[in-house]
């Protein structure tokens, strides 16, 4: 079975460097495409579906913005399950200050370079290993400014009241982007921040082995 991974805002598949799907799964990555002018998250997610082979069973795994996209995609097609990491399934789970920023239209005026700089400093100070520091810095600064600017505004204007089923929500107890007090995860990683996917990947890999549907040997993909 194919596990489709969707990364976070301005990021790419390198965020899943340490993640290993269980036996019987092959990993594929959904890549960001240029957004259309004033395109809503739901409409954008509909266009991402073209990267998914819907003729075969599949699962969706999304990180941060990718989790929101996974929810929107799962509302339109039928994955075996959806797993969101460091994300939220409903727009009502956005922190109040996100909503205020959306009402003020800040997503349209905050420069992407400023967001990159702030995120870069934060992760430089919090990432414990040099390898992860180098990785996150490279991911941040290679992100497309136009996409980041669109995505930030689209999230602030996002409106969703539907949770596709089955959905599993893995969240850090100390997530600083989507604080846990505003959302209701199914699985909590103690003392973890927003980027535990990089810093504590084995805990994620262990969870994937538990959460993902079992693939029987006869249905497992053949070795390449």
C-alpha atoms as a PDB file:
ATOM      1  CA  UNK A   1       0.000   0.000   0.000  1.00  0.00           C
ATOM      2  CA  UNK A   2       1.209   3.528  -0.687  1.00  0.00           C
ATOM      3  CA  UNK A   3       1.650   6.030   2.117  1.00  0.00           C
ATOM      4  CA  UNK A   4       1.482   9.559   0.708  1.00  0.00           C
ATOM      5  CA  UNK A   5       3.389  12.107   2.772  1.00  0.00           C
ATOM      6  CA  UNK A   6       2.624  15.847   2.678  1.00  0.00           C
ATOM      7  CA  UNK A   7       5.113  18.263   4.221  1.00  0.00           C
ATOM      8  CA  UNK A   8       4.659  21.578   6.001  1.00  0.00           C
ATOM      9  CA  UNK A   9       4.499  25.168   4.795  1.00  0.00           C
ATOM     10  CA  UNK A  10       7.494  26.054   2.634  1.00  0.00           C
ATOM     11  CA  UNK A  11       9.006  22.611   3.298  1.00  0.00           C
ATOM     12  CA  UNK A  12       9.581  19.463   1.258  1.00  0.00           C
ATOM     13  CA  UNK A  13       9.993  15.712   1.638  1.00  0.00           C
ATOM     14  CA  UNK A  14      13.260  16.140   3.555  1.00  0.00           C
ATOM     15  CA  UNK A  15      11.131  16.684   6.659  1.00  0.00           C
ATOM     16  CA  UNK A  16      10.381  12.939   6.520  1.00  0.00           C
ATOM     17  CA  UNK A  17      14.069  11.958   6.297  1.00  0.00           C
ATOM     18  CA  UNK A  18      13.931   9.862   9.471  1.00  0.00           C
ATOM     19  CA  UNK A  19      10.470   8.356   8.940  1.00  0.00           C
ATOM     20  CA  UNK A  20      10.116   4.726   7.874  1.00  0.00           C
ATOM     21  CA  UNK A  21       6.672   3.363   6.941  1.00  0.00           C
ATOM     22  CA  UNK A  22       5.886  -0.133   8.247  1.00  0.00           C
ATOM     23  CA  UNK A  23       6.541  -3.261   6.209  1.00  0.00           C
ATOM     24  CA  UNK A  24       4.133  -3.536   3.311  1.00  0.00           C
ATOM     25  CA  UNK A  25       4.080   0.217   2.640  1.00  0.00           C
ATOM     26  CA  UNK A  26       5.871   2.231   0.023  1.00  0.00           C
ATOM     27  CA  UNK A  27       6.413   5.940   0.627  1.00  0.00           C
ATOM     28  CA  UNK A  28       5.437   8.567  -1.920  1.00  0.00           C
ATOM     29  CA  UNK A  29       5.548  12.319  -1.511  1.00  0.00           C
ATOM     30  CA  UNK A  30       2.965  14.843  -2.608  1.00  0.00           C
ATOM     31  CA  UNK A  31       4.735  17.965  -3.849  1.00  0.00           C
ATOM     32  CA  UNK A  32       3.526  21.522  -3.550  1.00  0.00           C
ATOM     33  CA  UNK A  33       2.334  23.104  -6.801  1.00  0.00           C
ATOM     34  CA  UNK A  34       1.966  26.807  -7.604  1.00  0.00           C
ATOM     35  CA  UNK A  35      -1.267  28.139  -6.088  1.00  0.00           C
ATOM     36  CA  UNK A  36      -3.741  30.071  -8.167  1.00  0.00           C
ATOM     37  CA  UNK A  37      -4.588  33.662  -7.269  1.00  0.00           C
ATOM     38  CA  UNK A  38      -6.664  33.816  -4.062  1.00  0.00           C
ATOM     39  CA  UNK A  39      -7.099  30.023  -4.134  1.00  0.00           C
ATOM     40  CA  UNK A  40      -8.731  28.513  -1.046  1.00  0.00           C
ATOM     41  CA  UNK A  41      -7.147  25.569   0.768  1.00  0.00           C
ATOM     42  CA  UNK A  42      -9.916  23.195  -0.300  1.00  0.00           C
ATOM     43  CA  UNK A  43      -9.579  24.070  -3.963  1.00  0.00           C
ATOM     44  CA  UNK A  44      -5.799  23.703  -3.777  1.00  0.00           C
ATOM     45  CA  UNK A  45      -6.139  20.304  -2.066  1.00  0.00           C
ATOM     46  CA  UNK A  46      -8.439  19.158  -4.875  1.00  0.00           C
ATOM     47  CA  UNK A  47      -5.660  19.839  -7.381  1.00  0.00           C
ATOM     48  CA  UNK A  48      -3.131  17.877  -5.308  1.00  0.00           C
ATOM     49  CA  UNK A  49      -5.270  14.757  -5.745  1.00  0.00           C
ATOM     50  CA  UNK A  50      -3.823  14.401  -9.257  1.00  0.00           C
ATOM     51  CA  UNK A  51      -0.615  13.133  -7.590  1.00  0.00           C
ATOM     52  CA  UNK A  52      -2.442  10.218  -5.916  1.00  0.00           C
ATOM     53  CA  UNK A  53      -3.195   6.865  -7.529  1.00  0.00           C
ATOM     54  CA  UNK A  54      -6.786   6.470  -6.367  1.00  0.00           C
ATOM     55  CA  UNK A  55      -7.180   3.113  -8.146  1.00  0.00           C
ATOM     56  CA  UNK A  56      -5.305   1.426  -5.279  1.00  0.00           C
ATOM     57  CA  UNK A  57      -5.729   1.635  -1.479  1.00  0.00           C
ATOM     58  CA  UNK A  58      -3.596   4.359   0.108  1.00  0.00           C
ATOM     59  CA  UNK A  59      -3.092   6.332   3.307  1.00  0.00           C
ATOM     60  CA  UNK A  60      -2.343  10.020   3.876  1.00  0.00           C
ATOM     61  CA  UNK A  61       0.232  11.340   6.353  1.00  0.00           C
ATOM     62  CA  UNK A  62       0.521  15.116   6.690  1.00  0.00           C
ATOM     63  CA  UNK A  63       2.823  17.358   8.719  1.00  0.00           C
ATOM     64  CA  UNK A  64       1.606  20.780   9.917  1.00  0.00           C
ATOM     65  CA  UNK A  65       0.165  22.478   6.799  1.00  0.00           C
ATOM     66  CA  UNK A  66       0.409  19.061   5.152  1.00  0.00           C
ATOM     67  CA  UNK A  67      -1.923  17.714   7.824  1.00  0.00           C
ATOM     68  CA  UNK A  68      -4.502  20.357   6.984  1.00  0.00           C
ATOM     69  CA  UNK A  69      -4.126  19.453   3.307  1.00  0.00           C
ATOM     70  CA  UNK A  70      -4.488  15.751   4.144  1.00  0.00           C
ATOM     71  CA  UNK A  71      -7.782  16.510   5.885  1.00  0.00           C
ATOM     72  CA  UNK A  72      -9.048  18.454   2.875  1.00  0.00           C
ATOM     73  CA  UNK A  73      -7.964  15.696   0.478  1.00  0.00           C
ATOM     74  CA  UNK A  74      -9.547  12.968   2.640  1.00  0.00           C
ATOM     75  CA  UNK A  75     -12.857  14.845   2.516  1.00  0.00           C
ATOM     76  CA  UNK A  76     -12.815  14.445  -1.271  1.00  0.00           C
ATOM     77  CA  UNK A  77     -11.443  10.937  -1.780  1.00  0.00           C
ATOM     78  CA  UNK A  78     -11.250   7.863   0.468  1.00  0.00           C
ATOM     79  CA  UNK A  79      -7.893   6.938   2.032  1.00  0.00           C
ATOM     80  CA  UNK A  80      -7.683   3.875   4.260  1.00  0.00           C
ATOM     81  CA  UNK A  81      -6.805   6.308   7.024  1.00  0.00           C
ATOM     82  CA  UNK A  82      -5.429   9.809   7.513  1.00  0.00           C
ATOM     83  CA  UNK A  83      -2.679  10.671   9.987  1.00  0.00           C
ATOM     84  CA  UNK A  84      -1.911  14.294  10.808  1.00  0.00           C
ATOM     85  CA  UNK A  85       1.215  15.285  12.730  1.00  0.00           C
ATOM     86  CA  UNK A  86       1.749  18.641  14.475  1.00  0.00           C
ATOM     87  CA  UNK A  87      -1.391  19.884  12.775  1.00  0.00           C
ATOM     88  CA  UNK A  88      -5.111  20.462  13.324  1.00  0.00           C
ATOM     89  CA  UNK A  89      -8.184  18.859  11.711  1.00  0.00           C
ATOM     90  CA  UNK A  90     -10.647  21.744  12.166  1.00  0.00           C
ATOM     91  CA  UNK A  91     -10.387  25.474  11.580  1.00  0.00           C
ATOM     92  CA  UNK A  92     -11.976  25.980  15.010  1.00  0.00           C
ATOM     93  CA  UNK A  93      -8.737  24.572  16.465  1.00  0.00           C
ATOM     94  CA  UNK A  94      -6.704  27.507  15.169  1.00  0.00           C
ATOM     95  CA  UNK A  95      -5.389  29.543  18.112  1.00  0.00           C
ATOM     96  CA  UNK A  96      -7.363  32.765  18.719  1.00  0.00           C
ATOM     97  CA  UNK A  97      -4.430  34.937  17.651  1.00  0.00           C
ATOM     98  CA  UNK A  98      -4.451  33.192  14.257  1.00  0.00           C
ATOM     99  CA  UNK A  99      -8.065  34.188  13.853  1.00  0.00           C
ATOM    100  CA  UNK A 100      -7.303  37.785  14.807  1.00  0.00           C
ATOM    101  CA  UNK A 101      -4.433  37.837  12.298  1.00  0.00           C
ATOM    102  CA  UNK A 102      -6.814  36.580   9.629  1.00  0.00           C
ATOM    103  CA  UNK A 103      -9.395  39.245  10.443  1.00  0.00           C
ATOM    104  CA  UNK A 104      -6.703  41.915  10.217  1.00  0.00           C
ATOM    105  CA  UNK A 105      -5.409  40.538   6.911  1.00  0.00           C
ATOM    106  CA  UNK A 106      -1.893  40.089   8.289  1.00  0.00           C
ATOM    107  CA  UNK A 107      -1.331  37.022   6.114  1.00  0.00           C
ATOM    108  CA  UNK A 108      -1.333  39.262   3.073  1.00  0.00           C
ATOM    109  CA  UNK A 109       1.285  41.705   4.345  1.00  0.00           C
ATOM    110  CA  UNK A 110       3.794  39.729   6.451  1.00  0.00           C
ATOM    111  CA  UNK A 111       6.915  39.145   4.290  1.00  0.00           C
ATOM    112  CA  UNK A 112       7.910  35.501   3.793  1.00  0.00           C
ATOM    113  CA  UNK A 113      11.536  36.472   4.472  1.00  0.00           C
ATOM    114  CA  UNK A 114      10.566  37.638   7.964  1.00  0.00           C
ATOM    115  CA  UNK A 115       8.830  34.327   8.664  1.00  0.00           C
ATOM    116  CA  UNK A 116      11.859  32.410   7.405  1.00  0.00           C
ATOM    117  CA  UNK A 117      14.225  34.422   9.594  1.00  0.00           C
ATOM    118  CA  UNK A 118      12.127  33.969  12.742  1.00  0.00           C
ATOM    119  CA  UNK A 119      11.649  30.239  12.104  1.00  0.00           C
ATOM    120  CA  UNK A 120      15.327  29.794  11.307  1.00  0.00           C
ATOM    121  CA  UNK A 121      16.461  31.373  14.572  1.00  0.00           C
ATOM    122  CA  UNK A 122      13.951  29.398  16.599  1.00  0.00           C
ATOM    123  CA  UNK A 123      14.960  26.020  15.174  1.00  0.00           C
ATOM    124  CA  UNK A 124      18.667  26.843  15.386  1.00  0.00           C
ATOM    125  CA  UNK A 125      18.209  27.338  19.115  1.00  0.00           C
ATOM    126  CA  UNK A 126      15.970  24.315  19.718  1.00  0.00           C
ATOM    127  CA  UNK A 127      17.325  21.578  17.428  1.00  0.00           C
ATOM    128  CA  UNK A 128      19.740  19.467  19.461  1.00  0.00           C
ATOM    129  CA  UNK A 129      21.816  17.761  16.772  1.00  0.00           C
ATOM    130  CA  UNK A 130      23.989  19.555  14.172  1.00  0.00           C
ATOM    131  CA  UNK A 131      22.607  17.328  11.395  1.00  0.00           C
ATOM    132  CA  UNK A 132      19.009  18.308  12.164  1.00  0.00           C
ATOM    133  CA  UNK A 133      20.013  21.971  12.462  1.00  0.00           C
ATOM    134  CA  UNK A 134      21.583  21.882   9.007  1.00  0.00           C
ATOM    135  CA  UNK A 135      18.589  20.045   7.579  1.00  0.00           C
ATOM    136  CA  UNK A 136      15.942  22.418   8.935  1.00  0.00           C
ATOM    137  CA  UNK A 137      17.929  25.490   7.934  1.00  0.00           C
ATOM    138  CA  UNK A 138      18.271  24.189   4.376  1.00  0.00           C
ATOM    139  CA  UNK A 139      14.557  23.368   4.198  1.00  0.00           C
ATOM    140  CA  UNK A 140      13.505  26.776   5.530  1.00  0.00           C
ATOM    141  CA  UNK A 141      15.646  28.893   3.220  1.00  0.00           C
ATOM    142  CA  UNK A 142      14.867  26.878   0.095  1.00  0.00           C
ATOM    143  CA  UNK A 143      11.128  27.365   0.560  1.00  0.00           C
ATOM    144  CA  UNK A 144       9.306  29.318  -2.151  1.00  0.00           C
ATOM    145  CA  UNK A 145       8.400  32.803  -0.883  1.00  0.00           C
ATOM    146  CA  UNK A 146       5.267  33.124  -3.016  1.00  0.00           C
ATOM    147  CA  UNK A 147       3.944  29.777  -1.815  1.00  0.00           C
ATOM    148  CA  UNK A 148       4.660  30.618   1.830  1.00  0.00           C
ATOM    149  CA  UNK A 149       2.847  33.936   1.504  1.00  0.00           C
ATOM    150  CA  UNK A 150      -0.177  32.259  -0.120  1.00  0.00           C
ATOM    151  CA  UNK A 151      -0.248  29.371   2.363  1.00  0.00           C
ATOM    152  CA  UNK A 152      -0.109  31.610   5.407  1.00  0.00           C
ATOM    153  CA  UNK A 153      -3.062  33.641   4.188  1.00  0.00           C
ATOM    154  CA  UNK A 154      -4.986  30.524   3.105  1.00  0.00           C
ATOM    155  CA  UNK A 155      -4.610  28.954   6.561  1.00  0.00           C
ATOM    156  CA  UNK A 156      -5.801  32.156   8.252  1.00  0.00           C
ATOM    157  CA  UNK A 157      -8.896  32.091   6.025  1.00  0.00           C
ATOM    158  CA  UNK A 158      -9.444  28.309   6.260  1.00  0.00           C
ATOM    159  CA  UNK A 159     -12.927  27.140   7.215  1.00  0.00           C
ATOM    160  CA  UNK A 160     -13.501  23.454   7.924  1.00  0.00           C
ATOM    161  CA  UNK A 161     -15.989  21.745  10.229  1.00  0.00           C
ATOM    162  CA  UNK A 162     -15.615  18.138   8.999  1.00  0.00           C
ATOM    163  CA  UNK A 163     -13.205  15.472  10.268  1.00  0.00           C
ATOM    164  CA  UNK A 164     -12.747  12.595   7.799  1.00  0.00           C
ATOM    165  CA  UNK A 165     -12.769   9.092   9.252  1.00  0.00           C
ATOM    166  CA  UNK A 166     -10.665   7.324  10.264  1.00  0.00           C
ATOM    167  CA  UNK A 167      -8.275  10.095  11.328  1.00  0.00           C
ATOM    168  CA  UNK A 168      -5.410   9.921  13.825  1.00  0.00           C
ATOM    169  CA  UNK A 169      -3.901  13.101  15.198  1.00  0.00           C
ATOM    170  CA  UNK A 170      -0.363  12.946  16.644  1.00  0.00           C
ATOM    171  CA  UNK A 171       0.652  16.096  18.497  1.00  0.00           C
ATOM    172  CA  UNK A 172       3.434  17.370  20.708  1.00  0.00           C
ATOM    173  CA  UNK A 173       2.442  18.372  24.233  1.00  0.00           C
ATOM    174  CA  UNK A 174       4.519  21.550  23.828  1.00  0.00           C
ATOM    175  CA  UNK A 175       3.631  22.419  20.236  1.00  0.00           C
ATOM    176  CA  UNK A 176       4.277  26.140  19.839  1.00  0.00           C
ATOM    177  CA  UNK A 177       2.537  26.608  16.469  1.00  0.00           C
ATOM    178  CA  UNK A 178      -0.725  24.834  17.231  1.00  0.00           C
ATOM    179  CA  UNK A 179      -0.837  24.724  21.059  1.00  0.00           C
ATOM    180  CA  UNK A 180      -2.371  21.532  22.342  1.00  0.00           C
ATOM    181  CA  UNK A 181      -4.878  23.429  24.463  1.00  0.00           C
ATOM    182  CA  UNK A 182      -6.772  24.468  21.328  1.00  0.00           C
ATOM    183  CA  UNK A 183      -6.999  21.047  19.667  1.00  0.00           C
ATOM    184  CA  UNK A 184      -7.856  17.443  20.587  1.00  0.00           C
ATOM    185  CA  UNK A 185      -5.206  14.970  19.390  1.00  0.00           C
ATOM    186  CA  UNK A 186      -5.714  11.234  19.562  1.00  0.00           C
ATOM    187  CA  UNK A 187      -2.049  10.647  20.431  1.00  0.00           C
ATOM    188  CA  UNK A 188       0.218  12.980  22.422  1.00  0.00           C
ATOM    189  CA  UNK A 189       4.036  12.995  22.400  1.00  0.00           C
ATOM    190  CA  UNK A 190       5.083  14.178  25.892  1.00  0.00           C
ATOM    191  CA  UNK A 191       7.386  17.227  26.139  1.00  0.00           C
ATOM    192  CA  UNK A 192       7.536  17.487  22.324  1.00  0.00           C
ATOM    193  CA  UNK A 193       7.398  20.678  20.275  1.00  0.00           C
ATOM    194  CA  UNK A 194       6.210  21.269  16.718  1.00  0.00           C
ATOM    195  CA  UNK A 195       9.155  19.564  15.003  1.00  0.00           C
ATOM    196  CA  UNK A 196       9.359  16.284  16.941  1.00  0.00           C
ATOM    197  CA  UNK A 197       9.181  14.508  13.572  1.00  0.00           C
ATOM    198  CA  UNK A 198      12.888  15.359  13.248  1.00  0.00           C
ATOM    199  CA  UNK A 199      13.964  15.216  16.862  1.00  0.00           C
ATOM    200  CA  UNK A 200      12.048  12.097  17.967  1.00  0.00           C
ATOM    201  CA  UNK A 201      11.373  10.090  14.790  1.00  0.00           C
ATOM    202  CA  UNK A 202      11.431   6.633  16.395  1.00  0.00           C
ATOM    203  CA  UNK A 203       8.353   7.498  18.431  1.00  0.00           C
ATOM    204  CA  UNK A 204       6.594   8.453  15.205  1.00  0.00           C
ATOM    205  CA  UNK A 205       7.780   5.299  13.434  1.00  0.00           C
ATOM    206  CA  UNK A 206       6.519   3.163  16.322  1.00  0.00           C
ATOM    207  CA  UNK A 207       3.134   4.891  16.164  1.00  0.00           C
ATOM    208  CA  UNK A 208       2.882   4.351  12.413  1.00  0.00           C
ATOM    209  CA  UNK A 209       3.371   0.619  12.947  1.00  0.00           C
ATOM    210  CA  UNK A 210       0.403   0.681  15.325  1.00  0.00           C
ATOM    211  CA  UNK A 211      -1.908   3.082  13.478  1.00  0.00           C
ATOM    212  CA  UNK A 212      -1.549   2.097   9.847  1.00  0.00           C
ATOM    213  CA  UNK A 213      -3.784  -0.691   8.494  1.00  0.00           C
ATOM    214  CA  UNK A 214      -2.046  -4.056   8.312  1.00  0.00           C
ATOM    215  CA  UNK A 215      -1.016  -5.013   4.788  1.00  0.00           C
ATOM    216  CA  UNK A 216      -1.158  -8.749   4.101  1.00  0.00           C
ATOM    217  CA  UNK A 217       1.945 -10.268   2.436  1.00  0.00           C
ATOM    218  CA  UNK A 218       0.088 -11.038  -0.817  1.00  0.00           C
ATOM    219  CA  UNK A 219      -0.930  -7.374  -1.117  1.00  0.00           C
ATOM    220  CA  UNK A 220       2.412  -5.893  -0.201  1.00  0.00           C
ATOM    221  CA  UNK A 221       4.283  -4.078  -2.991  1.00  0.00           C
ATOM    222  CA  UNK A 222       6.986  -6.074  -4.760  1.00  0.00           C
ATOM    223  CA  UNK A 223      10.621  -5.087  -4.042  1.00  0.00           C
ATOM    224  CA  UNK A 224      12.035  -2.630  -6.560  1.00  0.00           C
END
